[in-house]
Amino acid sequence: MATSPVTLVIASTTSTQNSGLFDVLIPAFGKEAHSRANVKVIAVGTGQAMRLAKKMRPTCSLCTIHFGRKNLLPMGTASTAAQ
């Protein structure tokens, strides 16, 4: 019995999208998943990606952003950008 493809939604920053990272990762993931998954990347600014991931739970499967060292927060601390 064939399984329906799953859609994975990734909220990301435009710089991550533009870096070409997803151009490498998504085809490799597709091979591993034997094409049973569709991947949709939504590339926006950092704060917007965080808000989108929170708003779209559980539809959004992954949120990839980057922070400078000064922006790192202790575990369990909420960022104002994510609220």
Protein backbone atom coordinates (compact mmCIF):
# COMPACT_ATOMS: atom_id res chain seq x y z
CA MET A 1 0.00 0.00 0.00
CA ALA A 2 1.48 3.36 -1.04
CA THR A 3 1.71 6.07 1.56
CA SER A 4 0.71 9.64 0.85
CA PRO A 5 3.61 12.09 0.70
CA VAL A 6 4.14 14.18 3.81
CA THR A 7 4.76 17.91 3.50
CA LEU A 8 7.52 19.33 5.69
CA VAL A 9 7.34 23.10 6.16
CA ILE A 10 10.56 24.95 7.01
CA ALA A 11 10.45 28.55 8.24
CA SER A 12 13.85 30.00 7.45
CA THR A 13 15.78 33.21 6.97
CA THR A 14 16.37 34.51 3.48
CA SER A 15 20.13 34.37 4.04
CA THR A 16 19.94 30.64 4.81
CA GLN A 17 17.84 30.12 1.69
CA ASN A 18 20.24 32.21 -0.40
CA SER A 19 23.28 30.35 0.93
CA GLY A 20 22.33 27.27 -1.07
CA LEU A 21 22.07 25.07 2.04
CA PHE A 22 18.59 23.86 1.17
CA ASP A 23 19.69 23.15 -2.42
CA VAL A 24 22.00 20.52 -0.92
CA LEU A 25 19.94 19.25 2.01
CA ILE A 26 16.51 18.87 0.40
CA PRO A 27 17.59 16.59 -2.49
CA ALA A 28 19.63 14.48 -0.04
CA PHE A 29 16.63 14.27 2.28
CA GLY A 30 14.40 13.33 -0.66
CA LYS A 31 16.65 10.40 -1.51
CA GLU A 32 16.64 9.23 2.10
CA ALA A 33 12.86 9.62 2.37
CA HIS A 34 12.42 7.82 -0.98
CA SER A 35 10.35 10.78 -2.24
CA ARG A 36 7.66 10.25 0.40
CA ALA A 37 8.07 13.86 1.54
CA ASN A 38 7.59 17.25 -0.04
CA VAL A 39 9.61 20.10 1.45
CA LYS A 40 8.36 23.69 1.41
CA VAL A 41 10.75 26.45 2.53
CA ILE A 42 9.29 29.79 3.58
CA ALA A 43 12.21 32.26 3.61
CA VAL A 44 11.65 35.50 5.52
CA GLY A 45 13.48 37.65 8.08
CA THR A 46 14.67 36.14 11.38
CA GLY A 47 11.90 37.55 13.58
CA GLN A 48 9.24 36.72 11.03
CA ALA A 49 10.53 33.14 10.68
CA MET A 50 10.33 32.69 14.45
CA ARG A 51 6.80 34.11 14.61
CA LEU A 52 5.74 32.02 11.61
CA ALA A 53 7.07 28.82 13.18
CA LYS A 54 5.22 29.57 16.40
CA LYS A 55 1.99 30.54 14.63
CA MET A 56 2.04 27.52 12.31
CA ARG A 57 2.63 24.89 15.01
CA PRO A 58 2.37 21.93 14.40
CA THR A 59 2.27 22.51 10.61
CA CYS A 60 5.72 24.10 10.58
CA SER A 61 8.17 21.22 10.95
CA LEU A 62 11.40 23.16 11.34
CA CYS A 63 12.63 26.71 11.90
CA THR A 64 16.17 27.56 10.81
CA ILE A 65 17.53 30.93 11.79
CA HIS A 66 20.89 32.32 12.71
CA PHE A 67 21.86 34.48 15.63
CA GLY A 68 25.02 36.33 16.36
CA ARG A 69 26.78 35.34 19.58
CA LYS A 70 25.33 38.38 21.39
CA ASN A 71 21.78 37.16 20.62
CA LEU A 72 22.12 33.75 22.24
CA LEU A 73 19.72 33.17 25.11
CA PRO A 74 19.92 30.73 28.01
CA MET A 75 17.81 27.60 27.54
CA GLY A 76 14.19 28.17 28.53
CA THR A 77 14.34 31.93 27.95
CA ALA A 78 11.80 33.36 25.54
CA SER A 79 12.95 35.83 22.92
CA THR A 80 10.78 38.89 22.39
CA ALA A 81 11.08 38.27 18.63
CA ALA A 82 9.36 34.89 19.04
CA GLN A 83 6.36 36.31 20.87
